[in-house]
Amino acid sequence: MTEASEKQTRRRGAVLEQAILDAAWEEVDDHGWEGFTTEAVATRAGTAKAVIYRRWRNRVELAEEMLRRTSGSARGTFEPSGDLRADLLTFLRGMSDFLLSPFGQVVRGVICETDKPSLLSIFGGQPVVDDVRAVVENACRTGQLPRSPSPLTVNLGHALLMSEFLHTGTPPSDDGFVELVDTIWLPALGGPSPRTRS
């Protein structure tokens, strides 16, 4: 579509931008990050590449906008049970599902293709690890942990999962999550002796 025909359809401002972002998500869903191109997004959105480039200089900037506009609802709801070990495993499994979605592909693509440190907090205003903080605070209140652990250890499980995902493109297996919790995360938090089964 030419810019003239774009004007004829009167898609402008927020309406046009949302159409582009919707098309961008569809492109990632169909072709993954490797096949995600500005040209393909423009074709799917029925607009010209120049229209996109006036707003975002490249596919990374377009992807950053995609993440900003959807980060609040992409992860879903985490509902802790009150059992520290079970909740840590539930958190990791939920993060795994999240990272294997198109949203996760875009997160990895943006982080791997930019040198902006701020993108390591791409998940929005509320960091993902706030869920873990709530679990840990409850564990301290209920005596599952003897003392409040450091922020470093609270972030440990999420950090290791993200490191694996960024390096390999996939999260650990479920057995890997169990090993991570039982041999690394729980001991670092000061938790009880791990059970052998999830």
N, C-alpha and C. Protein backbone atom coordinates (compact mmCIF):
# COMPACT_ATOMS: atom_id res chain seq x y z
N MET A 1 0.83 -1.19 0.00
CA MET A 1 0.00 0.00 0.00
C MET A 1 0.87 1.23 0.00
N THR A 2 0.52 2.21 -0.83
CA THR A 2 1.27 3.45 -0.90
C THR A 2 0.83 4.38 0.21
N GLU A 3 1.64 5.44 0.44
CA GLU A 3 1.26 6.39 1.47
C GLU A 3 -0.01 7.12 1.08
N ALA A 4 -0.23 7.31 -0.25
CA ALA A 4 -1.45 7.96 -0.70
C ALA A 4 -2.68 7.14 -0.33
N SER A 5 -2.59 5.81 -0.59
CA SER A 5 -3.73 4.95 -0.25
C SER A 5 -3.90 4.84 1.26
N GLU A 6 -2.77 4.94 2.00
CA GLU A 6 -2.85 4.94 3.46
C GLU A 6 -3.68 6.12 3.94
N LYS A 7 -3.46 7.28 3.31
CA LYS A 7 -4.23 8.46 3.68
C LYS A 7 -5.70 8.27 3.34
N GLN A 8 -5.97 7.58 2.22
CA GLN A 8 -7.35 7.38 1.81
C GLN A 8 -8.11 6.53 2.81
N THR A 9 -7.47 5.58 3.44
CA THR A 9 -8.13 4.73 4.43
C THR A 9 -8.32 5.46 5.75
N ARG A 10 -7.64 6.59 5.92
CA ARG A 10 -7.73 7.42 7.12
C ARG A 10 -7.29 6.67 8.37
N ARG A 11 -6.41 5.70 8.23
CA ARG A 11 -5.83 5.08 9.42
C ARG A 11 -4.66 5.95 9.84
N ARG A 12 -4.82 6.62 10.94
CA ARG A 12 -3.79 7.54 11.39
C ARG A 12 -3.59 7.39 12.88
N GLY A 13 -2.51 7.99 13.37
CA GLY A 13 -2.29 8.04 14.81
C GLY A 13 -2.33 6.68 15.48
N ALA A 14 -3.07 6.64 16.60
CA ALA A 14 -3.12 5.43 17.41
C ALA A 14 -3.72 4.25 16.67
N VAL A 15 -4.70 4.50 15.81
CA VAL A 15 -5.34 3.40 15.07
C VAL A 15 -4.33 2.74 14.13
N LEU A 16 -3.57 3.54 13.42
CA LEU A 16 -2.56 3.01 12.51
C LEU A 16 -1.46 2.27 13.28
N GLU A 17 -1.00 2.87 14.37
CA GLU A 17 0.06 2.23 15.15
C GLU A 17 -0.40 0.89 15.71
N GLN A 18 -1.64 0.82 16.18
CA GLN A 18 -2.13 -0.45 16.71
C GLN A 18 -2.23 -1.50 15.62
N ALA A 19 -2.63 -1.10 14.42
CA ALA A 19 -2.70 -2.04 13.30
C ALA A 19 -1.31 -2.59 12.98
N ILE A 20 -0.30 -1.73 13.04
CA ILE A 20 1.08 -2.17 12.79
C ILE A 20 1.53 -3.13 13.88
N LEU A 21 1.24 -2.79 15.13
CA LEU A 21 1.67 -3.65 16.25
C LEU A 21 0.95 -4.99 16.22
N ASP A 22 -0.32 -4.99 15.88
CA ASP A 22 -1.05 -6.26 15.75
C ASP A 22 -0.43 -7.12 14.66
N ALA A 23 -0.10 -6.48 13.53
CA ALA A 23 0.53 -7.22 12.43
C ALA A 23 1.90 -7.74 12.86
N ALA A 24 2.61 -6.97 13.65
CA ALA A 24 3.94 -7.40 14.11
C ALA A 24 3.84 -8.65 14.98
N TRP A 25 2.87 -8.68 15.90
CA TRP A 25 2.69 -9.87 16.73
C TRP A 25 2.32 -11.08 15.88
N GLU A 26 1.49 -10.87 14.88
CA GLU A 26 1.11 -11.97 14.00
C GLU A 26 2.31 -12.50 13.23
N GLU A 27 3.21 -11.61 12.83
CA GLU A 27 4.42 -12.04 12.13
C GLU A 27 5.30 -12.89 13.04
N VAL A 28 5.49 -12.46 14.28
CA VAL A 28 6.29 -13.24 15.21
C VAL A 28 5.65 -14.60 15.46
N ASP A 29 4.33 -14.60 15.63
CA ASP A 29 3.62 -15.85 15.89
C ASP A 29 3.76 -16.82 14.72
N ASP A 30 3.74 -16.30 13.49
CA ASP A 30 3.82 -17.16 12.31
C ASP A 30 5.24 -17.54 11.93
N HIS A 31 6.19 -16.63 12.12
CA HIS A 31 7.54 -16.84 11.58
C HIS A 31 8.67 -16.77 12.61
N GLY A 32 8.33 -16.50 13.88
CA GLY A 32 9.37 -16.41 14.89
C GLY A 32 10.20 -15.15 14.73
N TRP A 33 11.11 -14.95 15.68
CA TRP A 33 11.95 -13.75 15.65
C TRP A 33 12.87 -13.75 14.43
N GLU A 34 13.38 -14.90 14.05
CA GLU A 34 14.30 -14.95 12.92
C GLU A 34 13.64 -14.50 11.62
N GLY A 35 12.35 -14.76 11.49
CA GLY A 35 11.65 -14.37 10.27
C GLY A 35 10.91 -13.05 10.39
N PHE A 36 11.15 -12.35 11.47
CA PHE A 36 10.44 -11.09 11.74
C PHE A 36 11.14 -9.94 11.04
N THR A 37 10.48 -9.33 10.05
CA THR A 37 11.07 -8.21 9.31
C THR A 37 10.07 -7.07 9.22
N THR A 38 10.61 -5.87 9.12
CA THR A 38 9.77 -4.69 8.98
C THR A 38 8.95 -4.75 7.70
N GLU A 39 9.57 -5.24 6.63
CA GLU A 39 8.87 -5.35 5.35
C GLU A 39 7.65 -6.26 5.46
N ALA A 40 7.82 -7.41 6.13
CA ALA A 40 6.71 -8.34 6.28
C ALA A 40 5.60 -7.74 7.14
N VAL A 41 5.98 -7.00 8.18
CA VAL A 41 5.00 -6.34 9.03
C VAL A 41 4.21 -5.32 8.21
N ALA A 42 4.92 -4.54 7.40
CA ALA A 42 4.25 -3.53 6.57
C ALA A 42 3.25 -4.17 5.62
N THR A 43 3.65 -5.27 5.00
CA THR A 43 2.76 -5.97 4.07
C THR A 43 1.52 -6.47 4.79
N ARG A 44 1.73 -7.09 5.95
CA ARG A 44 0.59 -7.65 6.70
C ARG A 44 -0.34 -6.53 7.20
N ALA A 45 0.25 -5.41 7.59
CA ALA A 45 -0.56 -4.30 8.09
C ALA A 45 -1.22 -3.50 6.97
N GLY A 46 -0.81 -3.76 5.73
CA GLY A 46 -1.37 -3.02 4.62
C GLY A 46 -0.92 -1.59 4.58
N THR A 47 0.37 -1.39 4.89
CA THR A 47 0.92 -0.04 4.89
C THR A 47 2.28 -0.06 4.22
N ALA A 48 2.94 1.08 4.16
CA ALA A 48 4.25 1.17 3.55
C ALA A 48 5.35 1.08 4.61
N LYS A 49 6.50 0.55 4.22
CA LYS A 49 7.63 0.48 5.15
C LYS A 49 7.96 1.86 5.70
N ALA A 50 7.87 2.87 4.83
CA ALA A 50 8.21 4.23 5.27
C ALA A 50 7.35 4.69 6.44
N VAL A 51 6.10 4.22 6.46
CA VAL A 51 5.20 4.58 7.56
C VAL A 51 5.73 4.02 8.88
N ILE A 52 6.23 2.79 8.83
CA ILE A 52 6.79 2.19 10.03
C ILE A 52 8.09 2.87 10.42
N TYR A 53 8.95 3.13 9.43
CA TYR A 53 10.25 3.73 9.74
C TYR A 53 10.14 5.16 10.26
N ARG A 54 9.04 5.83 10.01
CA ARG A 54 8.86 7.16 10.59
C ARG A 54 8.63 7.07 12.10
N ARG A 55 8.18 5.91 12.56
CA ARG A 55 7.89 5.73 13.99
C ARG A 55 8.99 4.95 14.71
N TRP A 56 9.53 3.94 14.05
CA TRP A 56 10.55 3.08 14.66
C TRP A 56 11.67 2.87 13.65
N ARG A 57 12.90 3.07 14.07
CA ARG A 57 14.03 3.05 13.13
C ARG A 57 14.34 1.65 12.60
N ASN A 58 14.01 0.62 13.35
CA ASN A 58 14.36 -0.75 12.95
C ASN A 58 13.44 -1.72 13.67
N ARG A 59 13.64 -3.00 13.41
CA ARG A 59 12.73 -4.00 13.99
C ARG A 59 12.88 -4.10 15.50
N VAL A 60 14.06 -3.77 16.02
CA VAL A 60 14.24 -3.82 17.48
C VAL A 60 13.40 -2.74 18.16
N GLU A 61 13.41 -1.52 17.62
CA GLU A 61 12.60 -0.47 18.21
C GLU A 61 11.11 -0.79 18.09
N LEU A 62 10.72 -1.38 16.98
CA LEU A 62 9.32 -1.81 16.83
C LEU A 62 9.00 -2.87 17.87
N ALA A 63 9.92 -3.81 18.08
CA ALA A 63 9.70 -4.87 19.06
C ALA A 63 9.63 -4.32 20.48
N GLU A 64 10.47 -3.33 20.79
CA GLU A 64 10.41 -2.72 22.11
C GLU A 64 9.03 -2.13 22.37
N GLU A 65 8.46 -1.50 21.35
CA GLU A 65 7.12 -0.93 21.50
C GLU A 65 6.09 -2.03 21.69
N MET A 66 6.25 -3.13 20.97
CA MET A 66 5.34 -4.27 21.14
C MET A 66 5.35 -4.73 22.59
N LEU A 67 6.55 -4.85 23.16
CA LEU A 67 6.68 -5.32 24.53
C LEU A 67 6.10 -4.33 25.53
N ARG A 68 6.39 -3.04 25.33
CA ARG A 68 5.88 -2.03 26.26
C ARG A 68 4.36 -2.04 26.33
N ARG A 69 3.72 -2.25 25.18
CA ARG A 69 2.26 -2.14 25.14
C ARG A 69 1.55 -3.41 25.62
N THR A 70 2.27 -4.50 25.75
CA THR A 70 1.60 -5.75 26.13
C THR A 70 2.18 -6.39 27.40
N SER A 71 3.24 -5.79 27.98
CA SER A 71 3.92 -6.45 29.10
C SER A 71 3.02 -6.62 30.31
N GLY A 72 2.05 -5.73 30.49
CA GLY A 72 1.20 -5.82 31.67
C GLY A 72 0.31 -7.06 31.71
N SER A 73 -0.07 -7.57 30.53
CA SER A 73 -1.00 -8.70 30.48
C SER A 73 -0.39 -9.98 29.94
N ALA A 74 0.88 -9.94 29.52
CA ALA A 74 1.45 -11.09 28.82
C ALA A 74 1.73 -12.27 29.74
N ARG A 75 2.08 -12.01 31.00
CA ARG A 75 2.50 -13.10 31.86
C ARG A 75 1.37 -13.89 32.48
N GLY A 76 0.21 -13.31 32.59
CA GLY A 76 -0.85 -14.00 33.29
C GLY A 76 -0.73 -13.79 34.81
N THR A 77 -1.52 -14.55 35.56
CA THR A 77 -1.59 -14.37 37.01
C THR A 77 -0.86 -15.50 37.71
N PHE A 78 -0.01 -15.13 38.67
CA PHE A 78 0.69 -16.11 39.50
C PHE A 78 -0.04 -16.19 40.83
N GLU A 79 -0.49 -17.39 41.19
CA GLU A 79 -1.25 -17.58 42.42
C GLU A 79 -0.48 -18.53 43.34
N PRO A 80 0.21 -17.98 44.34
CA PRO A 80 0.99 -18.83 45.25
C PRO A 80 0.10 -19.69 46.14
N SER A 81 0.65 -20.84 46.52
CA SER A 81 -0.09 -21.78 47.37
C SER A 81 0.24 -21.61 48.85
N GLY A 82 1.38 -20.97 49.13
CA GLY A 82 1.84 -20.85 50.51
C GLY A 82 2.96 -21.81 50.85
N ASP A 83 3.22 -22.78 49.98
CA ASP A 83 4.34 -23.70 50.18
C ASP A 83 5.52 -23.18 49.37
N LEU A 84 6.62 -22.85 50.06
CA LEU A 84 7.74 -22.17 49.43
C LEU A 84 8.28 -22.93 48.22
N ARG A 85 8.62 -24.20 48.41
CA ARG A 85 9.23 -24.97 47.32
C ARG A 85 8.27 -25.11 46.14
N ALA A 86 7.01 -25.44 46.43
CA ALA A 86 6.03 -25.59 45.36
C ALA A 86 5.84 -24.28 44.60
N ASP A 87 5.84 -23.17 45.33
CA ASP A 87 5.62 -21.88 44.68
C ASP A 87 6.81 -21.47 43.83
N LEU A 88 8.01 -21.78 44.26
CA LEU A 88 9.18 -21.49 43.43
C LEU A 88 9.14 -22.28 42.13
N LEU A 89 8.74 -23.55 42.22
CA LEU A 89 8.62 -24.36 41.02
C LEU A 89 7.50 -23.85 40.11
N THR A 90 6.37 -23.48 40.71
CA THR A 90 5.26 -22.94 39.92
C THR A 90 5.69 -21.67 39.19
N PHE A 91 6.43 -20.82 39.88
CA PHE A 91 6.91 -19.58 39.26
C PHE A 91 7.80 -19.89 38.06
N LEU A 92 8.75 -20.81 38.23
CA LEU A 92 9.66 -21.14 37.14
C LEU A 92 8.92 -21.76 35.97
N ARG A 93 7.96 -22.63 36.24
CA ARG A 93 7.20 -23.25 35.16
C ARG A 93 6.36 -22.21 34.42
N GLY A 94 5.79 -21.27 35.16
CA GLY A 94 5.04 -20.20 34.52
C GLY A 94 5.93 -19.32 33.66
N MET A 95 7.12 -19.01 34.16
CA MET A 95 8.07 -18.22 33.39
C MET A 95 8.48 -18.97 32.12
N SER A 96 8.64 -20.27 32.23
CA SER A 96 9.00 -21.08 31.07
C SER A 96 7.93 -20.99 29.99
N ASP A 97 6.67 -21.15 30.39
CA ASP A 97 5.57 -21.04 29.42
C ASP A 97 5.56 -19.65 28.78
N PHE A 98 5.78 -18.64 29.59
CA PHE A 98 5.81 -17.26 29.12
C PHE A 98 6.93 -17.05 28.10
N LEU A 99 8.11 -17.56 28.39
CA LEU A 99 9.25 -17.35 27.50
C LEU A 99 9.13 -18.15 26.21
N LEU A 100 8.39 -19.24 26.23
CA LEU A 100 8.20 -20.03 25.01
C LEU A 100 7.09 -19.46 24.11
N SER A 101 6.42 -18.43 24.58
CA SER A 101 5.39 -17.78 23.77
C SER A 101 6.03 -16.78 22.81
N PRO A 102 5.26 -16.25 21.86
CA PRO A 102 5.82 -15.21 20.99
C PRO A 102 6.41 -14.04 21.77
N PHE A 103 5.80 -13.69 22.90
CA PHE A 103 6.34 -12.60 23.72
C PHE A 103 7.77 -12.90 24.14
N GLY A 104 8.02 -14.14 24.57
CA GLY A 104 9.37 -14.52 24.98
C GLY A 104 10.37 -14.44 23.84
N GLN A 105 9.94 -14.83 22.63
CA GLN A 105 10.83 -14.72 21.47
C GLN A 105 11.24 -13.27 21.24
N VAL A 106 10.28 -12.37 21.40
CA VAL A 106 10.58 -10.96 21.17
C VAL A 106 11.50 -10.44 22.27
N VAL A 107 11.26 -10.83 23.51
CA VAL A 107 12.15 -10.43 24.60
C VAL A 107 13.58 -10.84 24.31
N ARG A 108 13.76 -12.11 23.94
CA ARG A 108 15.11 -12.60 23.66
C ARG A 108 15.73 -11.89 22.47
N GLY A 109 14.94 -11.68 21.42
CA GLY A 109 15.46 -11.01 20.24
C GLY A 109 15.91 -9.59 20.54
N VAL A 110 15.10 -8.86 21.30
CA VAL A 110 15.45 -7.47 21.63
C VAL A 110 16.71 -7.42 22.48
N ILE A 111 16.77 -8.27 23.51
CA ILE A 111 17.94 -8.25 24.39
C ILE A 111 19.20 -8.65 23.64
N CYS A 112 19.10 -9.64 22.78
CA CYS A 112 20.29 -10.12 22.06
C CYS A 112 20.75 -9.16 20.98
N GLU A 113 19.86 -8.28 20.51
CA GLU A 113 20.23 -7.39 19.41
C GLU A 113 20.45 -5.95 19.83
N THR A 114 20.52 -5.70 21.12
CA THR A 114 20.75 -4.33 21.57
C THR A 114 21.77 -4.33 22.69
N ASP A 115 22.39 -3.17 22.90
CA ASP A 115 23.33 -3.03 24.00
C ASP A 115 22.78 -2.11 25.08
N LYS A 116 21.46 -1.92 25.09
CA LYS A 116 20.85 -1.08 26.10
C LYS A 116 20.62 -1.90 27.37
N PRO A 117 21.31 -1.61 28.46
CA PRO A 117 21.11 -2.39 29.69
C PRO A 117 19.69 -2.34 30.21
N SER A 118 18.97 -1.25 29.95
CA SER A 118 17.62 -1.11 30.50
C SER A 118 16.69 -2.19 29.97
N LEU A 119 17.02 -2.80 28.85
CA LEU A 119 16.14 -3.80 28.28
C LEU A 119 16.11 -5.08 29.10
N LEU A 120 17.03 -5.23 30.05
CA LEU A 120 16.98 -6.38 30.93
C LEU A 120 15.77 -6.29 31.87
N SER A 121 15.12 -5.14 31.93
CA SER A 121 13.89 -4.97 32.71
C SER A 121 12.72 -4.72 31.78
N ILE A 122 12.68 -5.44 30.68
CA ILE A 122 11.69 -5.20 29.64
C ILE A 122 10.29 -5.60 30.05
N PHE A 123 10.12 -6.31 31.16
CA PHE A 123 8.82 -6.87 31.50
C PHE A 123 7.82 -5.85 32.02
N GLY A 124 8.20 -4.61 32.14
CA GLY A 124 7.24 -3.59 32.51
C GLY A 124 7.52 -2.98 33.86
N GLY A 125 6.57 -2.18 34.34
CA GLY A 125 6.77 -1.43 35.58
C GLY A 125 6.95 -2.30 36.79
N GLN A 126 6.29 -3.45 36.83
CA GLN A 126 6.42 -4.37 37.95
C GLN A 126 7.34 -5.52 37.55
N PRO A 127 8.56 -5.59 38.09
CA PRO A 127 9.46 -6.68 37.70
C PRO A 127 8.85 -8.04 37.98
N VAL A 128 9.18 -9.00 37.14
CA VAL A 128 8.65 -10.35 37.31
C VAL A 128 8.97 -10.90 38.69
N VAL A 129 10.15 -10.60 39.22
CA VAL A 129 10.56 -11.17 40.49
C VAL A 129 9.75 -10.64 41.67
N ASP A 130 8.87 -9.68 41.49
CA ASP A 130 7.98 -9.28 42.57
C ASP A 130 7.13 -10.46 43.03
N ASP A 131 6.78 -11.35 42.10
CA ASP A 131 6.04 -12.55 42.48
C ASP A 131 6.84 -13.39 43.47
N VAL A 132 8.14 -13.52 43.20
CA VAL A 132 8.99 -14.30 44.09
C VAL A 132 9.15 -13.59 45.43
N ARG A 133 9.27 -12.29 45.39
CA ARG A 133 9.41 -11.53 46.63
C ARG A 133 8.21 -11.79 47.54
N ALA A 134 7.02 -11.82 46.98
CA ALA A 134 5.82 -12.07 47.78
C ALA A 134 5.86 -13.48 48.38
N VAL A 135 6.33 -14.45 47.58
CA VAL A 135 6.44 -15.83 48.07
C VAL A 135 7.44 -15.91 49.22
N VAL A 136 8.57 -15.24 49.06
CA VAL A 136 9.62 -15.28 50.08
C VAL A 136 9.16 -14.57 51.35
N GLU A 137 8.48 -13.44 51.21
CA GLU A 137 7.99 -12.74 52.40
C GLU A 137 6.99 -13.60 53.16
N ASN A 138 6.13 -14.31 52.44
CA ASN A 138 5.19 -15.21 53.11
C ASN A 138 5.93 -16.35 53.81
N ALA A 139 6.98 -16.87 53.15
CA ALA A 139 7.75 -17.96 53.76
C ALA A 139 8.43 -17.49 55.05
N CYS A 140 8.86 -16.24 55.09
CA CYS A 140 9.45 -15.71 56.32
C CYS A 140 8.39 -15.57 57.42
N ARG A 141 7.20 -15.12 57.06
CA ARG A 141 6.12 -14.94 58.04
C ARG A 141 5.67 -16.28 58.62
N THR A 142 5.67 -17.32 57.79
CA THR A 142 5.15 -18.62 58.22
C THR A 142 6.24 -19.54 58.77
N GLY A 143 7.47 -19.07 58.86
CA GLY A 143 8.55 -19.87 59.43
C GLY A 143 9.21 -20.84 58.48
N GLN A 144 8.87 -20.79 57.19
CA GLN A 144 9.54 -21.66 56.22
C GLN A 144 10.97 -21.20 55.93
N LEU A 145 11.22 -19.93 56.16
CA LEU A 145 12.57 -19.38 56.07
C LEU A 145 12.91 -18.75 57.42
N PRO A 146 14.15 -18.96 57.91
CA PRO A 146 14.51 -18.45 59.23
C PRO A 146 14.74 -16.94 59.26
N ARG A 147 15.05 -16.36 58.10
CA ARG A 147 15.33 -14.92 58.06
C ARG A 147 15.07 -14.41 56.64
N SER A 148 14.99 -13.12 56.50
CA SER A 148 14.75 -12.52 55.19
C SER A 148 16.03 -12.62 54.35
N PRO A 149 15.99 -13.26 53.19
CA PRO A 149 17.18 -13.40 52.36
C PRO A 149 17.51 -12.12 51.60
N SER A 150 18.70 -12.06 51.04
CA SER A 150 19.13 -10.89 50.29
C SER A 150 18.41 -10.81 48.95
N PRO A 151 18.33 -9.61 48.38
CA PRO A 151 17.73 -9.48 47.04
C PRO A 151 18.43 -10.36 46.00
N LEU A 152 19.73 -10.55 46.14
CA LEU A 152 20.47 -11.39 45.20
C LEU A 152 19.92 -12.80 45.17
N THR A 153 19.66 -13.37 46.33
CA THR A 153 19.15 -14.74 46.36
C THR A 153 17.69 -14.81 45.96
N VAL A 154 16.91 -13.76 46.24
CA VAL A 154 15.53 -13.73 45.80
C VAL A 154 15.47 -13.76 44.27
N ASN A 155 16.40 -13.07 43.63
CA ASN A 155 16.43 -12.99 42.16
C ASN A 155 17.10 -14.19 41.50
N LEU A 156 17.72 -15.06 42.28
CA LEU A 156 18.60 -16.09 41.72
C LEU A 156 17.91 -17.01 40.72
N GLY A 157 16.76 -17.57 41.07
CA GLY A 157 16.10 -18.52 40.17
C GLY A 157 15.70 -17.88 38.86
N HIS A 158 15.11 -16.71 38.93
CA HIS A 158 14.71 -15.99 37.72
C HIS A 158 15.93 -15.66 36.86
N ALA A 159 17.03 -15.24 37.52
CA ALA A 159 18.24 -14.87 36.77
C ALA A 159 18.83 -16.07 36.05
N LEU A 160 18.86 -17.22 36.69
CA LEU A 160 19.42 -18.42 36.06
C LEU A 160 18.54 -18.88 34.91
N LEU A 161 17.22 -18.82 35.10
CA LEU A 161 16.32 -19.20 34.01
C LEU A 161 16.52 -18.28 32.80
N MET A 162 16.58 -16.98 33.04
CA MET A 162 16.77 -16.03 31.95
C MET A 162 18.10 -16.22 31.26
N SER A 163 19.14 -16.52 32.02
CA SER A 163 20.46 -16.74 31.43
C SER A 163 20.42 -17.94 30.49
N GLU A 164 19.81 -19.02 30.93
CA GLU A 164 19.69 -20.21 30.08
C GLU A 164 18.89 -19.90 28.82
N PHE A 165 17.79 -19.17 29.00
CA PHE A 165 16.94 -18.84 27.85
C PHE A 165 17.67 -17.95 26.85
N LEU A 166 18.38 -16.96 27.34
CA LEU A 166 19.07 -16.05 26.43
C LEU A 166 20.20 -16.75 25.69
N HIS A 167 20.87 -17.71 26.34
CA HIS A 167 21.99 -18.40 25.70
C HIS A 167 21.55 -19.50 24.74
N THR A 168 20.46 -20.19 25.07
CA THR A 168 20.08 -21.36 24.28
C THR A 168 18.78 -21.19 23.50
N GLY A 169 17.96 -20.22 23.89
CA GLY A 169 16.67 -20.04 23.24
C GLY A 169 15.56 -20.86 23.84
N THR A 170 15.87 -21.69 24.82
CA THR A 170 14.85 -22.48 25.52
C THR A 170 15.13 -22.46 27.02
N PRO A 171 14.08 -22.50 27.85
CA PRO A 171 14.27 -22.61 29.29
C PRO A 171 14.75 -24.02 29.64
N PRO A 172 15.18 -24.24 30.88
CA PRO A 172 15.52 -25.60 31.31
C PRO A 172 14.31 -26.52 31.26
N SER A 173 14.57 -27.82 31.31
CA SER A 173 13.50 -28.80 31.40
C SER A 173 12.89 -28.75 32.79
N ASP A 174 11.77 -29.47 32.98
CA ASP A 174 11.16 -29.49 34.30
C ASP A 174 12.10 -30.14 35.32
N ASP A 175 12.82 -31.17 34.92
CA ASP A 175 13.81 -31.75 35.82
C ASP A 175 14.87 -30.72 36.19
N GLY A 176 15.21 -29.88 35.23
CA GLY A 176 16.16 -28.81 35.50
C GLY A 176 15.62 -27.82 36.52
N PHE A 177 14.32 -27.52 36.45
CA PHE A 177 13.73 -26.63 37.43
C PHE A 177 13.79 -27.23 38.83
N VAL A 178 13.49 -28.52 38.93
CA VAL A 178 13.54 -29.19 40.23
C VAL A 178 14.97 -29.15 40.79
N GLU A 179 15.94 -29.42 39.94
CA GLU A 179 17.34 -29.37 40.39
C GLU A 179 17.73 -27.95 40.80
N LEU A 180 17.30 -26.97 40.02
CA LEU A 180 17.62 -25.58 40.33
C LEU A 180 17.07 -25.20 41.71
N VAL A 181 15.80 -25.55 41.95
CA VAL A 181 15.18 -25.19 43.22
C VAL A 181 15.81 -25.95 44.38
N ASP A 182 15.99 -27.26 44.21
CA ASP A 182 16.43 -28.09 45.34
C ASP A 182 17.91 -27.93 45.69
N THR A 183 18.74 -27.72 44.67
CA THR A 183 20.18 -27.70 44.95
C THR A 183 20.80 -26.30 44.94
N ILE A 184 20.07 -25.32 44.41
CA ILE A 184 20.64 -23.97 44.32
C ILE A 184 19.77 -22.93 45.00
N TRP A 185 18.50 -22.79 44.55
CA TRP A 185 17.70 -21.66 45.00
C TRP A 185 17.26 -21.78 46.45
N LEU A 186 16.66 -22.93 46.81
CA LEU A 186 16.23 -23.10 48.20
C LEU A 186 17.38 -22.99 49.19
N PRO A 187 18.51 -23.68 48.96
CA PRO A 187 19.63 -23.52 49.89
C PRO A 187 20.13 -22.08 49.99
N ALA A 188 20.15 -21.37 48.87
CA ALA A 188 20.61 -19.97 48.89
C ALA A 188 19.65 -19.10 49.70
N LEU A 189 18.37 -19.40 49.63
CA LEU A 189 17.38 -18.64 50.40
C LEU A 189 17.41 -18.98 51.89
N GLY A 190 18.09 -20.09 52.23
CA GLY A 190 18.10 -20.53 53.61
C GLY A 190 16.97 -21.47 53.94
N GLY A 191 16.41 -22.11 52.91
CA GLY A 191 15.26 -22.97 53.09
C GLY A 191 15.59 -24.31 53.69
N PRO A 192 14.56 -25.13 53.94
CA PRO A 192 14.76 -26.45 54.54
C PRO A 192 15.39 -27.43 53.55
N SER A 193 15.76 -28.58 54.05
CA SER A 193 16.32 -29.61 53.17
C SER A 193 15.32 -29.95 52.08
N PRO A 194 15.77 -29.98 50.82
CA PRO A 194 14.84 -30.18 49.72
C PRO A 194 14.29 -31.60 49.70
N ARG A 195 13.05 -31.69 49.20
CA ARG A 195 12.48 -33.00 48.95
C ARG A 195 12.99 -33.48 47.60
N THR A 196 12.86 -34.74 47.34
CA THR A 196 13.42 -35.30 46.11
C THR A 196 12.43 -35.27 44.96
N ARG A 197 11.16 -34.95 45.24
CA ARG A 197 10.18 -34.93 44.17
C ARG A 197 9.49 -33.55 44.14
N SER A 198 9.07 -33.18 42.89
CA SER A 198 8.35 -31.91 42.73
C SER A 198 6.91 -32.07 43.16
